[in-house]
Structure formats: structure tokens, C-alpha cells
Amino acid sequence: MSAPDPPDPAGADSGEITDLLLQWRGGDASSLERLMPLVYDEMRRIAARQARQERQGHTLQPTAIVHEAYLRLVDQSRVSWQNRLHFFGVAARTMRRVLVDHARRRRRSKRGGGETHLVLEDSDLVTTPRAVDFLDLDAALDRLQELDAEQSRLVELRYFGGLSIEETAEVLELSPATVKRHWLSAKV
């Protein structure tokens, strides 16, 4: 018997989420209808954090990210849902795919990769934090996957899933100390 899920930050009973995931895995389609209101706020929080890291003027809003991820998750027939953390790990990967697919479509749709061209003389030389290029991040994660699949998965869970060190350790079945070491190494 596994340990109970940690409390859900959104206030939902993690045991209830796990039960609904298991029912969904067992073929009970109505469990999905009961599950989504329990996980929606957490998925929206994850998507909002990812959207804040996007470039200025991006067009994909957190609600759209969640809705697209939801549609893709509903089609997941090969996933053996284990618990709440497993669900959010898969949801994080799905949101990553949504953002990367969106970035690819935008890059293809406009000349110059969809970037705004700025002449240096016209700028005020204001320094702003660099936005995340999801295509570059996706490529970096793919390269890391080739070098160390576990570190790639860890980065995906922490960055896209917003999981804590402890939650990531539980999903990957590692100790928190090992996750911390791998996280520091992966960031380098």
C-alpha cells in the first residue's frame, strides 16, 4: 500500500483525486467530469506561471493552455494513472507540448519567426527579463533527455509542472536530496 498523497494546494482532497483517476483509468468516463473541477485551479496556476515566462505579447493565455491540455489529456488512453502527482506530471508534459506546438505554429506563420524587429536606436534600452523561448527550452530538454533522461524528467516536473522538490522526489521515486542534486546539475 502506498503512502497517501500530500495535501493539494488548491484544497481538494488528494485521495479523492487519486480515486477519480483510478476510476477514469478503469473506464468510468463520468469520473473525469468530477475530476476536472478538482484539478482545474492547479492546472491554471501552472499554465499562468508558464505564460508569465513567455515573451511579451504572446497570444496563448493560461485558460487556453489548460483547455488544450485538457483536450489532449482526455485522449490519453495509454496512461495508467497512479495518483495526483502522476496526473500533474503528465499534465505538465502535456502543457509543454501545447506551448511548443503553439510556438512552432507562430514561427511558421510569420516571416522572421514571428519576432518583433527592433532597431536599437529606436529603443529606450530598457532591460527586461528575458522571456523563455519554448522552442529553445524544448530542444534543450530533448538534448538533456539524450544525456540523462531522469534529469530531463525532473526539469519538466519542476519547471512545467511546478512540483516541489519533495513532490518531484515522490513522482520519480527518489530521495529529496537526490532530486536537489540533480536539479542543481540540470540547471547548470
Protein backbone atom coordinates (compact mmCIF):
# COMPACT_ATOMS: atom_id res chain seq x y z
CA MET A 1 0.00 0.00 0.00
CA SER A 2 1.40 3.40 -0.96
CA ALA A 3 1.59 6.44 1.25
CA PRO A 4 -1.28 8.91 0.95
CA ASP A 5 -0.90 11.85 -1.40
CA PRO A 6 0.27 15.12 0.16
CA PRO A 7 -2.41 17.77 0.60
CA ASP A 8 -3.42 19.52 -2.60
CA PRO A 9 -2.55 23.25 -2.51
CA ALA A 10 -5.88 24.01 -4.14
CA GLY A 11 -7.65 22.45 -1.18
CA ALA A 12 -9.04 19.36 -2.92
CA ASP A 13 -8.72 16.03 -1.19
CA SER A 14 -5.76 14.31 -2.86
CA GLY A 15 -7.23 10.92 -2.03
CA GLU A 16 -10.37 11.88 -3.90
CA ILE A 17 -8.28 12.96 -6.90
CA THR A 18 -6.40 9.66 -6.86
CA ASP A 19 -9.67 7.70 -6.57
CA LEU A 20 -11.17 9.56 -9.53
CA LEU A 21 -8.02 8.98 -11.59
CA LEU A 22 -8.20 5.26 -10.85
CA GLN A 23 -11.90 5.20 -11.79
CA TRP A 24 -11.11 7.06 -15.01
CA ARG A 25 -8.33 4.57 -15.76
CA GLY A 26 -10.87 1.81 -15.17
CA GLY A 27 -13.13 3.23 -17.86
CA ASP A 28 -15.57 5.33 -15.82
CA ALA A 29 -15.98 8.38 -18.07
CA SER A 30 -18.13 10.20 -15.50
CA SER A 31 -15.17 10.28 -13.10
CA LEU A 32 -13.43 12.66 -15.50
CA GLU A 33 -16.31 15.12 -15.13
CA ARG A 34 -15.88 15.02 -11.34
CA LEU A 35 -12.07 15.16 -11.57
CA MET A 36 -11.59 18.24 -13.71
CA PRO A 37 -13.10 20.79 -11.28
CA LEU A 38 -10.74 19.44 -8.60
CA VAL A 39 -7.57 19.83 -10.71
CA TYR A 40 -8.51 22.83 -12.86
CA ASP A 41 -7.24 25.54 -10.49
CA GLU A 42 -3.86 23.84 -10.06
CA MET A 43 -3.52 23.34 -13.83
CA ARG A 44 -4.43 27.00 -14.37
CA ARG A 45 -1.81 28.07 -11.81
CA ILE A 46 0.84 26.02 -13.63
CA ALA A 47 -0.23 27.46 -17.00
CA ALA A 48 -0.23 31.03 -15.64
CA ARG A 49 3.32 30.62 -14.37
CA GLN A 50 4.41 29.31 -17.76
CA ALA A 51 2.62 32.13 -19.60
CA ARG A 52 4.35 34.75 -17.40
CA GLN A 53 7.68 33.41 -18.64
CA GLU A 54 6.65 33.75 -22.29
CA ARG A 55 7.78 36.66 -24.45
CA GLN A 56 5.95 39.99 -24.34
CA GLY A 57 2.81 39.99 -26.46
CA HIS A 58 2.39 36.22 -26.63
CA THR A 59 -1.07 35.14 -27.68
CA LEU A 60 -1.69 31.94 -25.75
CA GLN A 61 -3.42 32.65 -22.44
CA PRO A 62 -3.36 30.33 -19.38
CA THR A 63 -7.00 29.34 -19.85
CA ALA A 64 -6.31 28.32 -23.46
CA ILE A 65 -3.26 26.30 -22.35
CA VAL A 66 -5.36 24.45 -19.77
CA HIS A 67 -8.22 23.80 -22.18
CA GLU A 68 -5.91 22.48 -24.90
CA ALA A 69 -4.08 20.32 -22.34
CA TYR A 70 -7.44 19.05 -21.08
CA LEU A 71 -8.47 18.00 -24.59
CA ARG A 72 -5.18 16.16 -25.02
CA LEU A 73 -5.41 14.53 -21.58
CA VAL A 74 -8.91 13.25 -22.28
CA ASP A 75 -7.47 11.38 -25.26
CA GLN A 76 -4.84 9.68 -23.08
CA SER A 77 -5.79 6.03 -23.28
CA ARG A 78 -2.36 4.55 -22.57
CA VAL A 79 -1.73 6.24 -19.22
CA SER A 80 -2.06 4.14 -16.08
CA TRP A 81 -2.93 6.92 -13.67
CA GLN A 82 -1.35 6.31 -10.28
CA ASN A 83 -2.10 9.38 -8.18
CA ARG A 84 -2.45 13.16 -8.14
CA LEU A 85 1.28 13.80 -8.60
CA HIS A 86 1.44 11.45 -11.56
CA PHE A 87 -1.51 13.27 -13.12
CA PHE A 88 0.15 16.67 -12.68
CA GLY A 89 3.40 15.27 -14.10
CA VAL A 90 1.57 14.14 -17.25
CA ALA A 91 -0.36 17.43 -17.33
CA ALA A 92 2.94 19.36 -17.14
CA ARG A 93 4.33 17.39 -20.08
CA THR A 94 1.10 17.97 -22.00
CA MET A 95 1.23 21.74 -21.32
CA ARG A 96 4.84 21.74 -22.51
CA ARG A 97 3.69 20.17 -25.79
CA VAL A 98 0.87 22.74 -26.11
CA LEU A 99 3.32 25.63 -25.67
CA VAL A 100 5.90 24.16 -28.04
CA ASP A 101 3.28 23.39 -30.70
CA HIS A 102 1.93 26.94 -30.40
CA ALA A 103 5.43 28.44 -30.68
CA ARG A 104 6.14 26.34 -33.79
CA ARG A 105 2.89 27.44 -35.44
CA ARG A 106 3.67 31.11 -34.72
CA ARG A 107 7.20 30.78 -36.01
CA ARG A 108 5.97 29.17 -39.23
CA SER A 109 3.17 31.68 -39.71
CA LYS A 110 5.29 34.81 -39.82
CA ARG A 111 8.43 35.83 -41.54
CA GLY A 112 11.33 36.25 -39.18
CA GLY A 113 9.98 33.63 -36.81
CA GLY A 114 7.20 35.84 -35.51
CA GLU A 115 9.65 38.03 -33.63
CA THR A 116 9.22 41.78 -33.42
CA HIS A 117 12.14 43.51 -35.08
CA LEU A 118 13.54 46.36 -33.05
CA VAL A 119 16.09 48.83 -34.28
CA LEU A 120 18.48 49.53 -31.43
CA GLU A 121 18.40 53.29 -31.99
CA ASP A 122 14.61 53.25 -31.54
CA SER A 123 14.69 51.52 -28.19
CA ASP A 124 14.96 53.07 -24.77
CA LEU A 125 17.50 50.39 -23.86
CA VAL A 126 15.28 49.20 -21.05
CA THR A 127 16.49 45.92 -19.64
CA THR A 128 13.71 43.42 -19.13
CA PRO A 129 13.95 39.83 -18.01
CA ARG A 130 14.47 37.53 -20.96
CA ALA A 131 11.35 35.62 -21.89
CA VAL A 132 11.51 31.89 -22.29
CA ASP A 133 11.66 30.65 -25.86
CA PHE A 134 9.71 27.41 -25.56
CA LEU A 135 11.26 26.01 -28.73
CA ASP A 136 14.76 26.55 -27.33
CA LEU A 137 13.70 25.11 -23.97
CA ASP A 138 12.11 22.11 -25.68
CA ALA A 139 15.29 21.50 -27.70
CA ALA A 140 17.41 21.81 -24.55
CA LEU A 141 15.18 19.31 -22.74
CA ASP A 142 15.43 16.93 -25.69
CA ARG A 143 19.26 17.19 -25.57
CA LEU A 144 19.20 16.64 -21.82
CA GLN A 145 16.92 13.64 -22.39
CA GLU A 146 19.65 12.09 -24.56
CA LEU A 147 22.26 12.71 -21.86
CA ASP A 148 20.20 11.99 -18.76
CA ALA A 149 16.54 11.03 -19.06
CA GLU A 150 15.95 11.32 -15.32
CA GLN A 151 17.25 14.90 -15.17
CA SER A 152 15.15 15.83 -18.19
CA ARG A 153 12.03 14.46 -16.49
CA LEU A 154 12.98 16.26 -13.27
CA VAL A 155 13.30 19.61 -15.07
CA GLU A 156 9.96 19.03 -16.78
CA LEU A 157 8.23 18.28 -13.47
CA ARG A 158 9.82 21.20 -11.63
CA TYR A 159 9.64 23.81 -14.42
CA PHE A 160 6.47 22.91 -16.29
CA GLY A 161 4.68 21.07 -13.51
CA GLY A 162 5.61 23.41 -10.72
CA LEU A 163 6.21 20.48 -8.38
CA SER A 164 8.25 20.99 -5.25
CA ILE A 165 11.45 19.07 -4.58
CA GLU A 166 9.51 16.68 -2.34
CA GLU A 167 6.70 16.14 -4.87
CA THR A 168 9.22 15.58 -7.66
CA ALA A 169 11.06 13.09 -5.46
CA GLU A 170 7.83 11.18 -4.92
CA VAL A 171 6.96 11.07 -8.64
CA LEU A 172 10.48 9.95 -9.62
CA GLU A 173 10.77 7.64 -6.60
CA LEU A 174 13.99 9.32 -5.48
CA SER A 175 15.08 10.94 -2.25
CA PRO A 176 14.63 14.71 -1.94
CA ALA A 177 18.42 15.05 -1.55
CA THR A 178 18.97 13.26 -4.87
CA VAL A 179 16.38 15.47 -6.57
CA LYS A 180 18.13 18.58 -5.21
CA ARG A 181 21.48 17.37 -6.56
CA HIS A 182 20.02 16.52 -9.96
CA TRP A 183 18.14 19.84 -10.08
CA LEU A 184 21.33 21.82 -9.44
CA SER A 185 23.19 19.76 -12.04
CA ALA A 186 20.41 20.13 -14.64
CA LYS A 187 20.27 23.91 -14.18
CA VAL A 188 23.98 24.11 -15.00
